[in-house]
């Protein structure tokens, strides 16, 4: 399997500011792991016809899109499981 290019939206930096530093490290490691396998165990496609996926990291969720044609994983949002799916 090809190694995916990783793109992170600028808004993700804002999302990470409100998360404790210890958790941020584990979230960033999980994001980096998406390069090798964006559809790993524990990653699921979001319902509702969306092309977005989510990865669990403790009580936090990483929401991302997989662009197979361009071999890109784009992280669009990171947040607490109770708030990450709400629109801004």
PDB file of N, CA and C in Angstrom:
ATOM      1  N   UNK A   1       0.842  -1.170   0.000  1.00  0.00           N
ATOM      2  CA  UNK A   1       0.000   0.000   0.000  1.00  0.00           C
ATOM      3  C   UNK A   1       0.891   1.239   0.000  1.00  0.00           C
ATOM      4  N   UNK A   2       0.506   2.239  -0.754  1.00  0.00           N
ATOM      5  CA  UNK A   2       1.279   3.480  -0.845  1.00  0.00           C
ATOM      6  C   UNK A   2       1.151   4.295   0.441  1.00  0.00           C
ATOM      7  N   UNK A   3       2.187   5.034   0.743  1.00  0.00           N
ATOM      8  CA  UNK A   3       2.166   5.921   1.897  1.00  0.00           C
ATOM      9  C   UNK A   3       1.451   7.210   1.484  1.00  0.00           C
ATOM     10  N   UNK A   4       0.425   7.572   2.221  1.00  0.00           N
ATOM     11  CA  UNK A   4      -0.391   8.732   1.895  1.00  0.00           C
ATOM     12  C   UNK A   4       0.292  10.028   2.325  1.00  0.00           C
ATOM     13  N   UNK A   5       0.062  11.082   1.546  1.00  0.00           N
ATOM     14  CA  UNK A   5       0.505  12.419   1.944  1.00  0.00           C
ATOM     15  C   UNK A   5      -0.471  12.898   3.016  1.00  0.00           C
ATOM     16  N   UNK A   6       0.032  13.592   3.999  1.00  0.00           N
ATOM     17  CA  UNK A   6      -0.800  14.061   5.101  1.00  0.00           C
ATOM     18  C   UNK A   6      -0.988  15.567   4.994  1.00  0.00           C
ATOM     19  N   UNK A   7      -2.237  16.002   4.956  1.00  0.00           N
ATOM     20  CA  UNK A   7      -2.567  17.427   4.966  1.00  0.00           C
ATOM     21  C   UNK A   7      -3.441  17.702   6.183  1.00  0.00           C
ATOM     22  N   UNK A   8      -3.170  18.823   6.842  1.00  0.00           N
ATOM     23  CA  UNK A   8      -3.918  19.191   8.037  1.00  0.00           C
ATOM     24  C   UNK A   8      -4.449  20.606   7.840  1.00  0.00           C
ATOM     25  N   UNK A   9      -5.760  20.769   7.976  1.00  0.00           N
ATOM     26  CA  UNK A   9      -6.344  22.106   7.843  1.00  0.00           C
ATOM     27  C   UNK A   9      -5.826  23.016   8.948  1.00  0.00           C
ATOM     28  N   UNK A  10      -5.648  24.300   8.675  1.00  0.00           N
ATOM     29  CA  UNK A  10      -5.171  25.240   9.700  1.00  0.00           C
ATOM     30  C   UNK A  10      -6.072  25.296  10.934  1.00  0.00           C
ATOM     31  N   UNK A  11      -7.347  25.038  10.778  1.00  0.00           N
ATOM     32  CA  UNK A  11      -8.272  25.077  11.911  1.00  0.00           C
ATOM     33  C   UNK A  11      -7.983  23.982  12.937  1.00  0.00           C
ATOM     34  N   UNK A  12      -7.275  22.929  12.534  1.00  0.00           N
ATOM     35  CA  UNK A  12      -6.942  21.847  13.456  1.00  0.00           C
ATOM     36  C   UNK A  12      -5.997  22.352  14.548  1.00  0.00           C
ATOM     37  N   UNK A  13      -5.118  23.286  14.217  1.00  0.00           N
ATOM     38  CA  UNK A  13      -4.222  23.868  15.226  1.00  0.00           C
ATOM     39  C   UNK A  13      -5.036  24.534  16.327  1.00  0.00           C
ATOM     40  N   UNK A  14      -6.102  25.213  15.964  1.00  0.00           N
ATOM     41  CA  UNK A  14      -6.992  25.838  16.956  1.00  0.00           C
ATOM     42  C   UNK A  14      -7.686  24.763  17.793  1.00  0.00           C
ATOM     43  N   UNK A  15      -8.094  23.691  17.136  1.00  0.00           N
ATOM     44  CA  UNK A  15      -8.752  22.597  17.854  1.00  0.00           C
ATOM     45  C   UNK A  15      -7.827  22.011  18.921  1.00  0.00           C
ATOM     46  N   UNK A  16      -6.551  21.889  18.608  1.00  0.00           N
ATOM     47  CA  UNK A  16      -5.587  21.264  19.519  1.00  0.00           C
ATOM     48  C   UNK A  16      -5.225  22.155  20.705  1.00  0.00           C
ATOM     49  N   UNK A  17      -5.412  23.452  20.594  1.00  0.00           N
ATOM     50  CA  UNK A  17      -5.058  24.374  21.683  1.00  0.00           C
ATOM     51  C   UNK A  17      -5.823  24.099  22.968  1.00  0.00           C
ATOM     52  N   UNK A  18      -7.031  23.631  22.873  1.00  0.00           N
ATOM     53  CA  UNK A  18      -7.855  23.400  24.057  1.00  0.00           C
ATOM     54  C   UNK A  18      -7.704  22.014  24.659  1.00  0.00           C
ATOM     55  N   UNK A  19      -6.774  21.224  24.139  1.00  0.00           N
ATOM     56  CA  UNK A  19      -6.592  19.848  24.595  1.00  0.00           C
ATOM     57  C   UNK A  19      -5.305  19.768  25.410  1.00  0.00           C
ATOM     58  N   UNK A  20      -5.304  19.045  26.545  1.00  0.00           N
ATOM     59  CA  UNK A  20      -4.089  18.900  27.358  1.00  0.00           C
ATOM     60  C   UNK A  20      -2.912  18.357  26.540  1.00  0.00           C
ATOM     61  N   UNK A  21      -1.707  18.834  26.833  1.00  0.00           N
ATOM     62  CA  UNK A  21      -0.507  18.504  26.067  1.00  0.00           C
ATOM     63  C   UNK A  21      -0.244  17.003  25.961  1.00  0.00           C
ATOM     64  N   UNK A  22      -0.465  16.272  27.029  1.00  0.00           N
ATOM     65  CA  UNK A  22      -0.239  14.819  26.992  1.00  0.00           C
ATOM     66  C   UNK A  22      -1.150  14.146  25.956  1.00  0.00           C
ATOM     67  N   UNK A  23      -2.382  14.618  25.873  1.00  0.00           N
ATOM     68  CA  UNK A  23      -3.319  14.057  24.896  1.00  0.00           C
ATOM     69  C   UNK A  23      -2.965  14.498  23.476  1.00  0.00           C
ATOM     70  N   UNK A  24      -2.454  15.715  23.333  1.00  0.00           N
ATOM     71  CA  UNK A  24      -2.078  16.218  22.006  1.00  0.00           C
ATOM     72  C   UNK A  24      -1.000  15.322  21.400  1.00  0.00           C
ATOM     73  N   UNK A  25      -0.038  14.906  22.209  1.00  0.00           N
ATOM     74  CA  UNK A  25       1.027  14.028  21.702  1.00  0.00           C
ATOM     75  C   UNK A  25       0.456  12.733  21.139  1.00  0.00           C
ATOM     76  N   UNK A  26      -0.459  12.116  21.855  1.00  0.00           N
ATOM     77  CA  UNK A  26      -1.033  10.853  21.372  1.00  0.00           C
ATOM     78  C   UNK A  26      -1.909  11.078  20.137  1.00  0.00           C
ATOM     79  N   UNK A  27      -2.592  12.210  20.082  1.00  0.00           N
ATOM     80  CA  UNK A  27      -3.408  12.536  18.907  1.00  0.00           C
ATOM     81  C   UNK A  27      -2.511  12.719  17.686  1.00  0.00           C
ATOM     82  N   UNK A  28      -1.404  13.441  17.845  1.00  0.00           N
ATOM     83  CA  UNK A  28      -0.489  13.659  16.725  1.00  0.00           C
ATOM     84  C   UNK A  28       0.140  12.351  16.248  1.00  0.00           C
ATOM     85  N   UNK A  29       0.426  11.442  17.170  1.00  0.00           N
ATOM     86  CA  UNK A  29       0.948  10.130  16.779  1.00  0.00           C
ATOM     87  C   UNK A  29      -0.091   9.357  15.973  1.00  0.00           C
ATOM     88  N   UNK A  30      -1.341   9.449  16.400  1.00  0.00           N
ATOM     89  CA  UNK A  30      -2.428   8.764  15.681  1.00  0.00           C
ATOM     90  C   UNK A  30      -2.611   9.356  14.285  1.00  0.00           C
ATOM     91  N   UNK A  31      -2.530  10.691  14.183  1.00  0.00           N
ATOM     92  CA  UNK A  31      -2.639  11.350  12.880  1.00  0.00           C
ATOM     93  C   UNK A  31      -1.507  10.876  11.967  1.00  0.00           C
ATOM     94  N   UNK A  32      -0.303  10.820  12.494  1.00  0.00           N
ATOM     95  CA  UNK A  32       0.849  10.370  11.700  1.00  0.00           C
ATOM     96  C   UNK A  32       0.656   8.928  11.232  1.00  0.00           C
ATOM     97  N   UNK A  33       0.038   8.093  12.036  1.00  0.00           N
ATOM     98  CA  UNK A  33      -0.199   6.699  11.659  1.00  0.00           C
ATOM     99  C   UNK A  33      -1.182   6.572  10.494  1.00  0.00           C
ATOM    100  N   UNK A  34      -2.007   7.592  10.278  1.00  0.00           N
ATOM    101  CA  UNK A  34      -2.959   7.561   9.165  1.00  0.00           C
ATOM    102  C   UNK A  34      -2.247   7.549   7.815  1.00  0.00           C
ATOM    103  N   UNK A  35      -1.002   8.025   7.759  1.00  0.00           N
ATOM    104  CA  UNK A  35      -0.232   8.002   6.507  1.00  0.00           C
ATOM    105  C   UNK A  35      -0.104   6.576   5.968  1.00  0.00           C
ATOM    106  N   UNK A  36       0.161   5.641   6.865  1.00  0.00           N
ATOM    107  CA  UNK A  36       0.410   4.269   6.443  1.00  0.00           C
ATOM    108  C   UNK A  36      -0.861   3.462   6.243  1.00  0.00           C
ATOM    109  N   UNK A  37      -1.878   3.734   7.047  1.00  0.00           N
ATOM    110  CA  UNK A  37      -3.124   2.971   6.940  1.00  0.00           C
ATOM    111  C   UNK A  37      -4.306   3.836   7.372  1.00  0.00           C
ATOM    112  N   UNK A  38      -4.888   4.602   6.443  1.00  0.00           N
ATOM    113  CA  UNK A  38      -6.006   5.477   6.811  1.00  0.00           C
ATOM    114  C   UNK A  38      -7.297   4.732   7.154  1.00  0.00           C
ATOM    115  N   UNK A  39      -7.356   3.464   6.839  1.00  0.00           N
ATOM    116  CA  UNK A  39      -8.551   2.664   7.148  1.00  0.00           C
ATOM    117  C   UNK A  39      -8.217   1.566   8.161  1.00  0.00           C
ATOM    118  N   UNK A  40      -7.404   1.899   9.133  1.00  0.00           N
ATOM    119  CA  UNK A  40      -6.970   0.935  10.151  1.00  0.00           C
ATOM    120  C   UNK A  40      -8.145   0.545  11.048  1.00  0.00           C
ATOM    121  N   UNK A  41      -7.931  -0.458  11.863  1.00  0.00           N
ATOM    122  CA  UNK A  41      -8.957  -0.880  12.815  1.00  0.00           C
ATOM    123  C   UNK A  41      -9.305   0.295  13.723  1.00  0.00           C
ATOM    124  N   UNK A  42     -10.588   0.497  13.963  1.00  0.00           N
ATOM    125  CA  UNK A  42     -11.038   1.603  14.802  1.00  0.00           C
ATOM    126  C   UNK A  42     -11.372   2.855  14.022  1.00  0.00           C
ATOM    127  N   UNK A  43     -11.076   2.876  12.745  1.00  0.00           N
ATOM    128  CA  UNK A  43     -11.421   4.016  11.891  1.00  0.00           C
ATOM    129  C   UNK A  43     -12.693   3.666  11.137  1.00  0.00           C
ATOM    130  N   UNK A  44     -13.666   4.559  11.211  1.00  0.00           N
ATOM    131  CA  UNK A  44     -14.949   4.277  10.580  1.00  0.00           C
ATOM    132  C   UNK A  44     -15.410   5.443   9.730  1.00  0.00           C
ATOM    133  N   UNK A  45     -16.154   5.131   8.693  1.00  0.00           N
ATOM    134  CA  UNK A  45     -16.740   6.158   7.843  1.00  0.00           C
ATOM    135  C   UNK A  45     -17.927   6.774   8.571  1.00  0.00           C
ATOM    136  N   UNK A  46     -18.055   8.092   8.497  1.00  0.00           N
ATOM    137  CA  UNK A  46     -19.173   8.765   9.153  1.00  0.00           C
ATOM    138  C   UNK A  46     -20.459   8.558   8.365  1.00  0.00           C
ATOM    139  N   UNK A  47     -21.560   8.496   9.066  1.00  0.00           N
ATOM    140  CA  UNK A  47     -22.873   8.273   8.455  1.00  0.00           C
ATOM    141  C   UNK A  47     -23.374   9.538   7.776  1.00  0.00           C
ATOM    142  N   UNK A  48     -24.416   9.399   7.016  1.00  0.00           N
ATOM    143  CA  UNK A  48     -25.072  10.550   6.418  1.00  0.00           C
ATOM    144  C   UNK A  48     -24.556  10.906   5.038  1.00  0.00           C
ATOM    145  N   UNK A  49     -23.969   9.966   4.337  1.00  0.00           N
ATOM    146  CA  UNK A  49     -23.508  10.232   2.983  1.00  0.00           C
ATOM    147  C   UNK A  49     -22.218  11.033   2.912  1.00  0.00           C
ATOM    148  N   UNK A  50     -21.614  11.269   4.045  1.00  0.00           N
ATOM    149  CA  UNK A  50     -20.378  12.038   4.098  1.00  0.00           C
ATOM    150  C   UNK A  50     -19.209  11.194   3.612  1.00  0.00           C
ATOM    151  N   UNK A  51     -18.204  11.840   3.078  1.00  0.00           N
ATOM    152  CA  UNK A  51     -16.983  11.153   2.664  1.00  0.00           C
ATOM    153  C   UNK A  51     -15.914  11.252   3.748  1.00  0.00           C
ATOM    154  N   UNK A  52     -16.336  11.560   4.964  1.00  0.00           N
ATOM    155  CA  UNK A  52     -15.405  11.726   6.072  1.00  0.00           C
ATOM    156  C   UNK A  52     -15.304  10.443   6.901  1.00  0.00           C
ATOM    157  N   UNK A  53     -14.158  10.287   7.537  1.00  0.00           N
ATOM    158  CA  UNK A  53     -13.893   9.169   8.427  1.00  0.00           C
ATOM    159  C   UNK A  53     -13.541   9.718   9.799  1.00  0.00           C
ATOM    160  N   UNK A  54     -13.577   8.831  10.796  1.00  0.00           N
ATOM    161  CA  UNK A  54     -13.151   9.240  12.123  1.00  0.00           C
ATOM    162  C   UNK A  54     -12.250   8.174  12.720  1.00  0.00           C
ATOM    163  N   UNK A  55     -11.264   8.668  13.473  1.00  0.00           N
ATOM    164  CA  UNK A  55     -10.374   7.777  14.208  1.00  0.00           C
ATOM    165  C   UNK A  55     -10.507   8.138  15.679  1.00  0.00           C
ATOM    166  N   UNK A  56     -10.561   7.138  16.527  1.00  0.00           N
ATOM    167  CA  UNK A  56     -10.686   7.362  17.966  1.00  0.00           C
ATOM    168  C   UNK A  56      -9.306   7.417  18.599  1.00  0.00           C
ATOM    169  N   UNK A  57      -9.133   8.370  19.496  1.00  0.00           N
ATOM    170  CA  UNK A  57      -7.921   8.457  20.305  1.00  0.00           C
ATOM    171  C   UNK A  57      -8.359   8.863  21.702  1.00  0.00           C
ATOM    172  N   UNK A  58      -8.618   7.874  22.539  1.00  0.00           N
ATOM    173  CA  UNK A  58      -9.140   8.152  23.877  1.00  0.00           C
ATOM    174  C   UNK A  58     -10.526   8.759  23.759  1.00  0.00           C
ATOM    175  N   UNK A  59     -10.747   9.889  24.432  1.00  0.00           N
ATOM    176  CA  UNK A  59     -12.047  10.567  24.366  1.00  0.00           C
ATOM    177  C   UNK A  59     -12.102  11.574  23.221  1.00  0.00           C
ATOM    178  N   UNK A  60     -11.052  11.608  22.417  1.00  0.00           N
ATOM    179  CA  UNK A  60     -10.985  12.552  21.299  1.00  0.00           C
ATOM    180  C   UNK A  60     -11.205  11.828  19.979  1.00  0.00           C
ATOM    181  N   UNK A  61     -11.661  12.586  18.987  1.00  0.00           N
ATOM    182  CA  UNK A  61     -11.895  12.046  17.651  1.00  0.00           C
ATOM    183  C   UNK A  61     -11.144  12.891  16.633  1.00  0.00           C
ATOM    184  N   UNK A  62     -10.593  12.205  15.641  1.00  0.00           N
ATOM    185  CA  UNK A  62      -9.904  12.838  14.527  1.00  0.00           C
ATOM    186  C   UNK A  62     -10.800  12.622  13.317  1.00  0.00           C
ATOM    187  N   UNK A  63     -11.270  13.691  12.709  1.00  0.00           N
ATOM    188  CA  UNK A  63     -12.145  13.602  11.544  1.00  0.00           C
ATOM    189  C   UNK A  63     -11.296  13.938  10.322  1.00  0.00           C
ATOM    190  N   UNK A  64     -11.347  13.073   9.311  1.00  0.00           N
ATOM    191  CA  UNK A  64     -10.485  13.252   8.155  1.00  0.00           C
ATOM    192  C   UNK A  64     -11.139  12.713   6.887  1.00  0.00           C
ATOM    193  N   UNK A  65     -10.595  13.131   5.753  1.00  0.00           N
ATOM    194  CA  UNK A  65     -11.048  12.656   4.444  1.00  0.00           C
ATOM    195  C   UNK A  65      -9.911  11.878   3.797  1.00  0.00           C
ATOM    196  N   UNK A  66     -10.264  10.859   3.045  1.00  0.00           N
ATOM    197  CA  UNK A  66      -9.282  10.077   2.304  1.00  0.00           C
ATOM    198  C   UNK A  66      -9.504  10.347   0.817  1.00  0.00           C
ATOM    199  N   UNK A  67      -8.484  10.872   0.173  1.00  0.00           N
ATOM    200  CA  UNK A  67      -8.537  11.138  -1.266  1.00  0.00           C
ATOM    201  C   UNK A  67      -7.641  10.105  -1.945  1.00  0.00           C
ATOM    202  N   UNK A  68      -8.221   8.953  -2.274  1.00  0.00           N
ATOM    203  CA  UNK A  68      -7.442   7.843  -2.819  1.00  0.00           C
ATOM    204  C   UNK A  68      -6.799   8.174  -4.164  1.00  0.00           C
ATOM    205  N   UNK A  69      -7.494   8.912  -5.003  1.00  0.00           N
ATOM    206  CA  UNK A  69      -6.958   9.225  -6.334  1.00  0.00           C
ATOM    207  C   UNK A  69      -5.663  10.027  -6.246  1.00  0.00           C
ATOM    208  N   UNK A  70      -5.570  10.915  -5.239  1.00  0.00           N
ATOM    209  CA  UNK A  70      -4.366  11.736  -5.072  1.00  0.00           C
ATOM    210  C   UNK A  70      -3.437  11.179  -3.996  1.00  0.00           C
ATOM    211  N   UNK A  71      -3.825  10.109  -3.333  1.00  0.00           N
ATOM    212  CA  UNK A  71      -3.076   9.481  -2.233  1.00  0.00           C
ATOM    213  C   UNK A  71      -2.818  10.508  -1.125  1.00  0.00           C
ATOM    214  N   UNK A  72      -3.924  11.100  -0.639  1.00  0.00           N
ATOM    215  CA  UNK A  72      -3.862  12.139   0.383  1.00  0.00           C
ATOM    216  C   UNK A  72      -4.838  11.816   1.506  1.00  0.00           C
ATOM    217  N   UNK A  73      -4.409  12.068   2.738  1.00  0.00           N
ATOM    218  CA  UNK A  73      -5.291  12.045   3.904  1.00  0.00           C
ATOM    219  C   UNK A  73      -5.327  13.480   4.409  1.00  0.00           C
ATOM    220  N   UNK A  74      -6.539  14.053   4.504  1.00  0.00           N
ATOM    221  CA  UNK A  74      -6.686  15.435   4.957  1.00  0.00           C
ATOM    222  C   UNK A  74      -7.445  15.462   6.281  1.00  0.00           C
ATOM    223  N   UNK A  75      -6.762  15.904   7.333  1.00  0.00           N
ATOM    224  CA  UNK A  75      -7.381  16.009   8.652  1.00  0.00           C
ATOM    225  C   UNK A  75      -8.156  17.324   8.686  1.00  0.00           C
ATOM    226  N   UNK A  76      -9.466  17.234   8.995  1.00  0.00           N
ATOM    227  CA  UNK A  76     -10.309  18.431   8.962  1.00  0.00           C
ATOM    228  C   UNK A  76     -10.729  18.922  10.338  1.00  0.00           C
ATOM    229  N   UNK A  77     -10.708  18.037  11.341  1.00  0.00           N
ATOM    230  CA  UNK A  77     -11.145  18.463  12.665  1.00  0.00           C
ATOM    231  C   UNK A  77     -10.671  17.482  13.724  1.00  0.00           C
ATOM    232  N   UNK A  78     -10.364  18.008  14.909  1.00  0.00           N
ATOM    233  CA  UNK A  78     -10.001  17.196  16.066  1.00  0.00           C
ATOM    234  C   UNK A  78     -10.748  17.769  17.254  1.00  0.00           C
ATOM    235  N   UNK A  79     -11.330  16.904  18.075  1.00  0.00           N
ATOM    236  CA  UNK A  79     -12.037  17.405  19.247  1.00  0.00           C
ATOM    237  C   UNK A  79     -12.554  16.297  20.142  1.00  0.00           C
ATOM    238  N   UNK A  80     -13.136  16.728  21.248  1.00  0.00           N
ATOM    239  CA  UNK A  80     -13.733  15.802  22.200  1.00  0.00           C
ATOM    240  C   UNK A  80     -14.890  15.079  21.527  1.00  0.00           C
ATOM    241  N   UNK A  81     -15.094  13.836  21.885  1.00  0.00           N
ATOM    242  CA  UNK A  81     -16.106  13.008  21.221  1.00  0.00           C
ATOM    243  C   UNK A  81     -17.509  13.587  21.288  1.00  0.00           C
ATOM    244  N   UNK A  82     -17.808  14.372  22.309  1.00  0.00           N
ATOM    245  CA  UNK A  82     -19.142  14.937  22.445  1.00  0.00           C
ATOM    246  C   UNK A  82     -19.369  16.210  21.651  1.00  0.00           C
ATOM    247  N   UNK A  83     -18.284  16.774  21.132  1.00  0.00           N
ATOM    248  CA  UNK A  83     -18.404  18.060  20.439  1.00  0.00           C
ATOM    249  C   UNK A  83     -17.896  18.076  19.010  1.00  0.00           C
ATOM    250  N   UNK A  84     -17.104  17.113  18.622  1.00  0.00           N
ATOM    251  CA  UNK A  84     -16.418  17.171  17.332  1.00  0.00           C
ATOM    252  C   UNK A  84     -17.364  17.093  16.138  1.00  0.00           C
ATOM    253  N   UNK A  85     -18.516  16.469  16.300  1.00  0.00           N
ATOM    254  CA  UNK A  85     -19.422  16.288  15.170  1.00  0.00           C
ATOM    255  C   UNK A  85     -20.401  17.450  14.989  1.00  0.00           C
ATOM    256  N   UNK A  86     -20.441  18.355  15.944  1.00  0.00           N
ATOM    257  CA  UNK A  86     -21.335  19.518  15.836  1.00  0.00           C
ATOM    258  C   UNK A  86     -20.751  20.531  14.857  1.00  0.00           C
ATOM    259  N   UNK A  87     -21.629  21.199  14.133  1.00  0.00           N
ATOM    260  CA  UNK A  87     -21.138  22.221  13.200  1.00  0.00           C
ATOM    261  C   UNK A  87     -20.692  23.451  13.988  1.00  0.00           C
ATOM    262  N   UNK A  88     -19.756  24.156  13.423  1.00  0.00           N
ATOM    263  CA  UNK A  88     -19.175  25.323  14.117  1.00  0.00           C
ATOM    264  C   UNK A  88     -20.049  26.528  14.020  1.00  0.00           C
TER     265      UNK A  88
END
